[in-house]
Amino acid sequence: MSSARLSIVLLSSIFLASGCSIHDSDEGKVKVNEHKETVKVEKNTVESAVLVNKENKLPQDYQTDDLVYPSIPFTFEEKIEKRMLKTVAASAIERLFTAASNEGLGLAGVSAYRSHATQESLFNYYVDRDGLEAALSYCAVPGTSEHETGLAIDVTASDGSCAAEDCFGDTKEAAWLAQH
């Protein structure tokens, strides 16, 4: 695993980004997506799904809600913004950490929610420190970070070593996360 961090985007449902639109009235129906694959619509729960990346920027006025502090260890003690997640993501990460613990692995959160202002400050800090080209290689432009949705968290081993570093990819915790 070569990723410096495992950014886990937790969604309340599977988001069908294949072009198959889903509406409440579609429940129980069979749909065909653009790849000619048949998909049965079980239930519309995509209200927590958000597609955000370099090509899909959040709306300028995007505000997340329903933020809570998940009951998981972090690499820091303070109850601050970057420890928060949307309720659905907090519940999912708690279950993931419990499953890892049951298999003898300790995990810790590194960074979860970031407001737009925090992402902007972080990005500008890296631009000032390393230059725009370098910053763009490892830090999302404000409005393009999954962390701004409250549905993403960076995770590391519970000892905090290799937090947001390439070396985490070589740990047993990273291997376990990749499988789960």
C-alpha atoms as a PDB file:
ATOM      1  CA  MET A   1       0.000   0.000   0.000  1.00  0.00           C
ATOM      2  CA  SER A   2       1.644   3.224  -1.108  1.00  0.00           C
ATOM      3  CA  SER A   3      -0.827   5.738   0.223  1.00  0.00           C
ATOM      4  CA  ALA A   4       0.512   8.108   2.862  1.00  0.00           C
ATOM      5  CA  ARG A   5      -2.839   7.963   4.579  1.00  0.00           C
ATOM      6  CA  LEU A   6      -5.890   5.849   4.413  1.00  0.00           C
ATOM      7  CA  SER A   7      -8.671   8.315   4.009  1.00  0.00           C
ATOM      8  CA  ILE A   8     -11.785   6.372   4.676  1.00  0.00           C
ATOM      9  CA  VAL A   9     -14.869   7.872   3.209  1.00  0.00           C
ATOM     10  CA  LEU A  10     -17.805   6.504   5.130  1.00  0.00           C
ATOM     11  CA  LEU A  11     -21.178   6.705   3.493  1.00  0.00           C
ATOM     12  CA  SER A  12     -24.553   5.603   4.795  1.00  0.00           C
ATOM     13  CA  SER A  13     -25.162   3.704   1.602  1.00  0.00           C
ATOM     14  CA  ILE A  14     -23.591   2.618  -1.640  1.00  0.00           C
ATOM     15  CA  PHE A  15     -23.573   5.504  -4.082  1.00  0.00           C
ATOM     16  CA  LEU A  16     -24.219   4.408  -7.643  1.00  0.00           C
ATOM     17  CA  ALA A  17     -22.031   6.786  -9.582  1.00  0.00           C
ATOM     18  CA  SER A  18     -22.612   4.771 -12.727  1.00  0.00           C
ATOM     19  CA  GLY A  19     -25.386   6.968 -14.040  1.00  0.00           C
ATOM     20  CA  CYS A  20     -28.306   5.136 -12.489  1.00  0.00           C
ATOM     21  CA  SER A  21     -30.457   7.696 -10.735  1.00  0.00           C
ATOM     22  CA  ILE A  22     -32.432   6.625  -7.686  1.00  0.00           C
ATOM     23  CA  HIS A  23     -35.650   8.079  -6.333  1.00  0.00           C
ATOM     24  CA  ASP A  24     -37.951   6.962  -3.495  1.00  0.00           C
ATOM     25  CA  SER A  25     -40.499   5.863  -6.062  1.00  0.00           C
ATOM     26  CA  ASP A  26     -37.899   3.512  -7.598  1.00  0.00           C
ATOM     27  CA  GLU A  27     -37.678   1.259  -4.533  1.00  0.00           C
ATOM     28  CA  GLY A  28     -38.135  -2.394  -5.492  1.00  0.00           C
ATOM     29  CA  LYS A  29     -37.783  -1.674  -9.216  1.00  0.00           C
ATOM     30  CA  VAL A  30     -35.072  -3.024 -11.475  1.00  0.00           C
ATOM     31  CA  LYS A  31     -33.052  -0.381 -13.310  1.00  0.00           C
ATOM     32  CA  VAL A  32     -30.435  -0.634 -16.051  1.00  0.00           C
ATOM     33  CA  ASN A  33     -27.460   1.683 -15.753  1.00  0.00           C
ATOM     34  CA  GLU A  34     -25.348   3.173 -18.540  1.00  0.00           C
ATOM     35  CA  HIS A  35     -23.108   0.074 -18.556  1.00  0.00           C
ATOM     36  CA  LYS A  36     -26.138  -2.140 -19.314  1.00  0.00           C
ATOM     37  CA  GLU A  37     -25.896  -3.661 -15.823  1.00  0.00           C
ATOM     38  CA  THR A  38     -29.103  -4.518 -14.002  1.00  0.00           C
ATOM     39  CA  VAL A  39     -29.412  -2.930 -10.577  1.00  0.00           C
ATOM     40  CA  LYS A  40     -32.269  -3.567  -8.141  1.00  0.00           C
ATOM     41  CA  VAL A  41     -33.082  -0.502  -6.083  1.00  0.00           C
ATOM     42  CA  GLU A  42     -33.446  -1.664  -2.492  1.00  0.00           C
ATOM     43  CA  LYS A  43     -33.931   1.656  -0.741  1.00  0.00           C
ATOM     44  CA  ASN A  44     -33.046   5.277  -1.348  1.00  0.00           C
ATOM     45  CA  THR A  45     -30.521   6.175   1.335  1.00  0.00           C
ATOM     46  CA  VAL A  46     -28.119   8.281  -0.703  1.00  0.00           C
ATOM     47  CA  GLU A  47     -28.926  11.491   1.133  1.00  0.00           C
ATOM     48  CA  SER A  48     -25.599  11.127   2.994  1.00  0.00           C
ATOM     49  CA  ALA A  49     -23.647  10.407  -0.178  1.00  0.00           C
ATOM     50  CA  VAL A  50     -21.527  13.263  -1.443  1.00  0.00           C
ATOM     51  CA  LEU A  51     -19.150  13.069  -4.384  1.00  0.00           C
ATOM     52  CA  VAL A  52     -16.292  15.482  -3.807  1.00  0.00           C
ATOM     53  CA  ASN A  53     -12.874  15.485  -5.449  1.00  0.00           C
ATOM     54  CA  LYS A  54     -10.785  17.622  -7.793  1.00  0.00           C
ATOM     55  CA  GLU A  55     -13.436  17.354 -10.495  1.00  0.00           C
ATOM     56  CA  ASN A  56     -16.473  17.642  -8.201  1.00  0.00           C
ATOM     57  CA  LYS A  57     -16.180  20.661  -5.938  1.00  0.00           C
ATOM     58  CA  LEU A  58     -18.589  21.239  -3.087  1.00  0.00           C
ATOM     59  CA  PRO A  59     -21.054  24.097  -3.601  1.00  0.00           C
ATOM     60  CA  GLN A  60     -19.771  27.437  -2.307  1.00  0.00           C
ATOM     61  CA  ASP A  61     -22.445  27.491   0.411  1.00  0.00           C
ATOM     62  CA  TYR A  62     -22.029  23.817   1.449  1.00  0.00           C
ATOM     63  CA  GLN A  63     -22.513  23.276   5.159  1.00  0.00           C
ATOM     64  CA  THR A  64     -22.423  19.900   6.838  1.00  0.00           C
ATOM     65  CA  ASP A  65     -24.582  19.180   9.849  1.00  0.00           C
ATOM     66  CA  ASP A  66     -25.101  16.426  12.382  1.00  0.00           C
ATOM     67  CA  LEU A  67     -21.464  16.439  13.541  1.00  0.00           C
ATOM     68  CA  VAL A  68     -20.594  14.390  16.637  1.00  0.00           C
ATOM     69  CA  TYR A  69     -17.477  13.159  18.407  1.00  0.00           C
ATOM     70  CA  PRO A  70     -17.061   9.437  17.647  1.00  0.00           C
ATOM     71  CA  SER A  71     -16.088   7.174  20.546  1.00  0.00           C
ATOM     72  CA  ILE A  72     -12.698   6.176  19.145  1.00  0.00           C
ATOM     73  CA  PRO A  73      -9.130   6.994  20.131  1.00  0.00           C
ATOM     74  CA  PHE A  74      -7.299   9.769  18.307  1.00  0.00           C
ATOM     75  CA  THR A  75      -3.630  10.676  18.157  1.00  0.00           C
ATOM     76  CA  PHE A  76      -4.470  13.751  20.256  1.00  0.00           C
ATOM     77  CA  GLU A  77      -6.649  14.323  23.323  1.00  0.00           C
ATOM     78  CA  GLU A  78      -8.394  17.645  22.589  1.00  0.00           C
ATOM     79  CA  LYS A  79     -12.055  17.622  21.550  1.00  0.00           C
ATOM     80  CA  ILE A  80     -11.655  19.897  18.559  1.00  0.00           C
ATOM     81  CA  GLU A  81     -13.183  20.173  15.095  1.00  0.00           C
ATOM     82  CA  LYS A  82     -10.914  17.624  13.421  1.00  0.00           C
ATOM     83  CA  ARG A  83     -12.201  14.955  15.783  1.00  0.00           C
ATOM     84  CA  MET A  84     -15.809  15.246  14.565  1.00  0.00           C
ATOM     85  CA  LEU A  85     -17.760  13.218  11.991  1.00  0.00           C
ATOM     86  CA  LYS A  86     -21.338  13.078  10.777  1.00  0.00           C
ATOM     87  CA  THR A  87     -23.360  10.683  12.955  1.00  0.00           C
ATOM     88  CA  VAL A  88     -23.578   8.021  10.243  1.00  0.00           C
ATOM     89  CA  ALA A  89     -19.795   8.093   9.724  1.00  0.00           C
ATOM     90  CA  ALA A  90     -19.100   8.138  13.472  1.00  0.00           C
ATOM     91  CA  SER A  91     -21.190   4.998  13.925  1.00  0.00           C
ATOM     92  CA  ALA A  92     -19.424   3.249  11.048  1.00  0.00           C
ATOM     93  CA  ILE A  93     -15.903   4.152  12.239  1.00  0.00           C
ATOM     94  CA  GLU A  94     -16.748   2.984  15.760  1.00  0.00           C
ATOM     95  CA  ARG A  95     -17.759  -0.422  14.345  1.00  0.00           C
ATOM     96  CA  LEU A  96     -14.593  -0.554  12.225  1.00  0.00           C
ATOM     97  CA  PHE A  97     -12.339   0.236  15.193  1.00  0.00           C
ATOM     98  CA  THR A  98     -14.145  -2.392  17.306  1.00  0.00           C
ATOM     99  CA  ALA A  99     -13.647  -5.010  14.590  1.00  0.00           C
ATOM    100  CA  ALA A 100      -9.936  -4.161  14.393  1.00  0.00           C
ATOM    101  CA  SER A 101      -9.623  -4.342  18.170  1.00  0.00           C
ATOM    102  CA  ASN A 102     -11.345  -7.744  18.180  1.00  0.00           C
ATOM    103  CA  GLU A 103      -8.559  -8.925  15.866  1.00  0.00           C
ATOM    104  CA  GLY A 104      -5.838  -7.493  18.112  1.00  0.00           C
ATOM    105  CA  LEU A 105      -5.173  -4.320  16.126  1.00  0.00           C
ATOM    106  CA  GLY A 106      -5.264  -0.824  17.558  1.00  0.00           C
ATOM    107  CA  LEU A 107      -6.298   2.089  15.381  1.00  0.00           C
ATOM    108  CA  ALA A 108      -6.439   5.825  16.015  1.00  0.00           C
ATOM    109  CA  GLY A 109      -8.018   8.731  14.195  1.00  0.00           C
ATOM    110  CA  VAL A 110      -5.678  11.406  12.871  1.00  0.00           C
ATOM    111  CA  SER A 111      -7.987  13.950  11.265  1.00  0.00           C
ATOM    112  CA  ALA A 112     -11.702  13.855  10.464  1.00  0.00           C
ATOM    113  CA  TYR A 113     -13.937  16.890   9.758  1.00  0.00           C
ATOM    114  CA  ARG A 114     -12.431  20.138   8.532  1.00  0.00           C
ATOM    115  CA  SER A 115     -14.479  23.239   7.943  1.00  0.00           C
ATOM    116  CA  HIS A 116     -13.942  25.074   4.665  1.00  0.00           C
ATOM    117  CA  ALA A 117     -12.014  27.739   6.574  1.00  0.00           C
ATOM    118  CA  THR A 118      -9.740  25.122   8.147  1.00  0.00           C
ATOM    119  CA  GLN A 119      -9.111  23.424   4.784  1.00  0.00           C
ATOM    120  CA  GLU A 120      -8.317  26.821   3.266  1.00  0.00           C
ATOM    121  CA  SER A 121      -5.890  27.646   6.073  1.00  0.00           C
ATOM    122  CA  LEU A 122      -4.212  24.233   5.815  1.00  0.00           C
ATOM    123  CA  PHE A 123      -3.877  24.450   2.034  1.00  0.00           C
ATOM    124  CA  ASN A 124      -2.457  27.983   2.198  1.00  0.00           C
ATOM    125  CA  TYR A 125       0.023  26.892   4.888  1.00  0.00           C
ATOM    126  CA  TYR A 126       1.329  24.104   2.623  1.00  0.00           C
ATOM    127  CA  VAL A 127       1.490  26.445  -0.388  1.00  0.00           C
ATOM    128  CA  ASP A 128       3.536  28.948   1.645  1.00  0.00           C
ATOM    129  CA  ARG A 129       5.782  26.193   2.992  1.00  0.00           C
ATOM    130  CA  ASP A 130       6.291  23.994  -0.088  1.00  0.00           C
ATOM    131  CA  GLY A 131       4.942  25.910  -3.094  1.00  0.00           C
ATOM    132  CA  LEU A 132       1.718  25.449  -5.041  1.00  0.00           C
ATOM    133  CA  GLU A 133       2.803  22.477  -7.156  1.00  0.00           C
ATOM    134  CA  ALA A 134       3.970  20.474  -4.145  1.00  0.00           C
ATOM    135  CA  ALA A 135       0.913  21.398  -2.049  1.00  0.00           C
ATOM    136  CA  LEU A 136      -1.409  20.265  -4.843  1.00  0.00           C
ATOM    137  CA  SER A 137       0.255  16.842  -4.775  1.00  0.00           C
ATOM    138  CA  TYR A 138      -0.775  16.089  -1.189  1.00  0.00           C
ATOM    139  CA  CYS A 139      -3.407  18.577  -0.027  1.00  0.00           C
ATOM    140  CA  ALA A 140      -6.878  19.184  -1.407  1.00  0.00           C
ATOM    141  CA  VAL A 141      -7.864  22.630  -2.606  1.00  0.00           C
ATOM    142  CA  PRO A 142     -10.602  24.061  -0.363  1.00  0.00           C
ATOM    143  CA  GLY A 143     -13.973  22.779  -1.512  1.00  0.00           C
ATOM    144  CA  THR A 144     -12.501  19.534  -2.898  1.00  0.00           C
ATOM    145  CA  SER A 145     -11.694  17.717   0.349  1.00  0.00           C
ATOM    146  CA  GLU A 146     -13.801  14.804   1.585  1.00  0.00           C
ATOM    147  CA  HIS A 147     -12.991  16.007   5.097  1.00  0.00           C
ATOM    148  CA  GLU A 148     -15.263  19.034   4.555  1.00  0.00           C
ATOM    149  CA  THR A 149     -18.258  16.666   4.338  1.00  0.00           C
ATOM    150  CA  GLY A 150     -17.751  15.094   7.773  1.00  0.00           C
ATOM    151  CA  LEU A 151     -17.733  11.678   6.071  1.00  0.00           C
ATOM    152  CA  ALA A 152     -13.955  11.115   5.928  1.00  0.00           C
ATOM    153  CA  ILE A 153     -11.258  10.344   8.451  1.00  0.00           C
ATOM    154  CA  ASP A 154      -7.535   9.685   8.265  1.00  0.00           C
ATOM    155  CA  VAL A 155      -6.573   6.646  10.331  1.00  0.00           C
ATOM    156  CA  THR A 156      -3.278   5.281  11.680  1.00  0.00           C
ATOM    157  CA  ALA A 157      -2.005   2.677  14.119  1.00  0.00           C
ATOM    158  CA  SER A 158      -2.909   3.358  17.743  1.00  0.00           C
ATOM    159  CA  ASP A 159       0.705   4.134  18.643  1.00  0.00           C
ATOM    160  CA  GLY A 160       0.498   7.159  16.336  1.00  0.00           C
ATOM    161  CA  SER A 161       3.634   6.208  14.437  1.00  0.00           C
ATOM    162  CA  CYS A 162       3.447   6.863  10.730  1.00  0.00           C
ATOM    163  CA  ALA A 163       0.340   9.084  11.127  1.00  0.00           C
ATOM    164  CA  ALA A 164      -0.244  10.692   7.706  1.00  0.00           C
ATOM    165  CA  GLU A 165       3.104   9.278   6.548  1.00  0.00           C
ATOM    166  CA  ASP A 166       4.023   6.860   3.756  1.00  0.00           C
ATOM    167  CA  CYS A 167       5.363   4.337   6.275  1.00  0.00           C
ATOM    168  CA  PHE A 168       1.802   3.612   7.487  1.00  0.00           C
ATOM    169  CA  GLY A 169       1.182   1.725   4.244  1.00  0.00           C
ATOM    170  CA  ASP A 170       3.643  -0.945   5.399  1.00  0.00           C
ATOM    171  CA  THR A 171       1.901  -1.653   8.716  1.00  0.00           C
ATOM    172  CA  LYS A 172      -0.342  -4.588   9.622  1.00  0.00           C
ATOM    173  CA  GLU A 173      -3.059  -2.037  10.491  1.00  0.00           C
ATOM    174  CA  ALA A 174      -2.971  -0.622   6.945  1.00  0.00           C
ATOM    175  CA  ALA A 175      -3.142  -4.130   5.485  1.00  0.00           C
ATOM    176  CA  TRP A 176      -6.156  -4.921   7.694  1.00  0.00           C
ATOM    177  CA  LEU A 177      -7.906  -1.664   6.714  1.00  0.00           C
ATOM    178  CA  ALA A 178      -7.336  -2.389   3.037  1.00  0.00           C
ATOM    179  CA  GLN A 179      -9.162  -5.697   3.459  1.00  0.00           C
ATOM    180  CA  HIS A 180     -12.028  -4.274   5.472  1.00  0.00           C
END
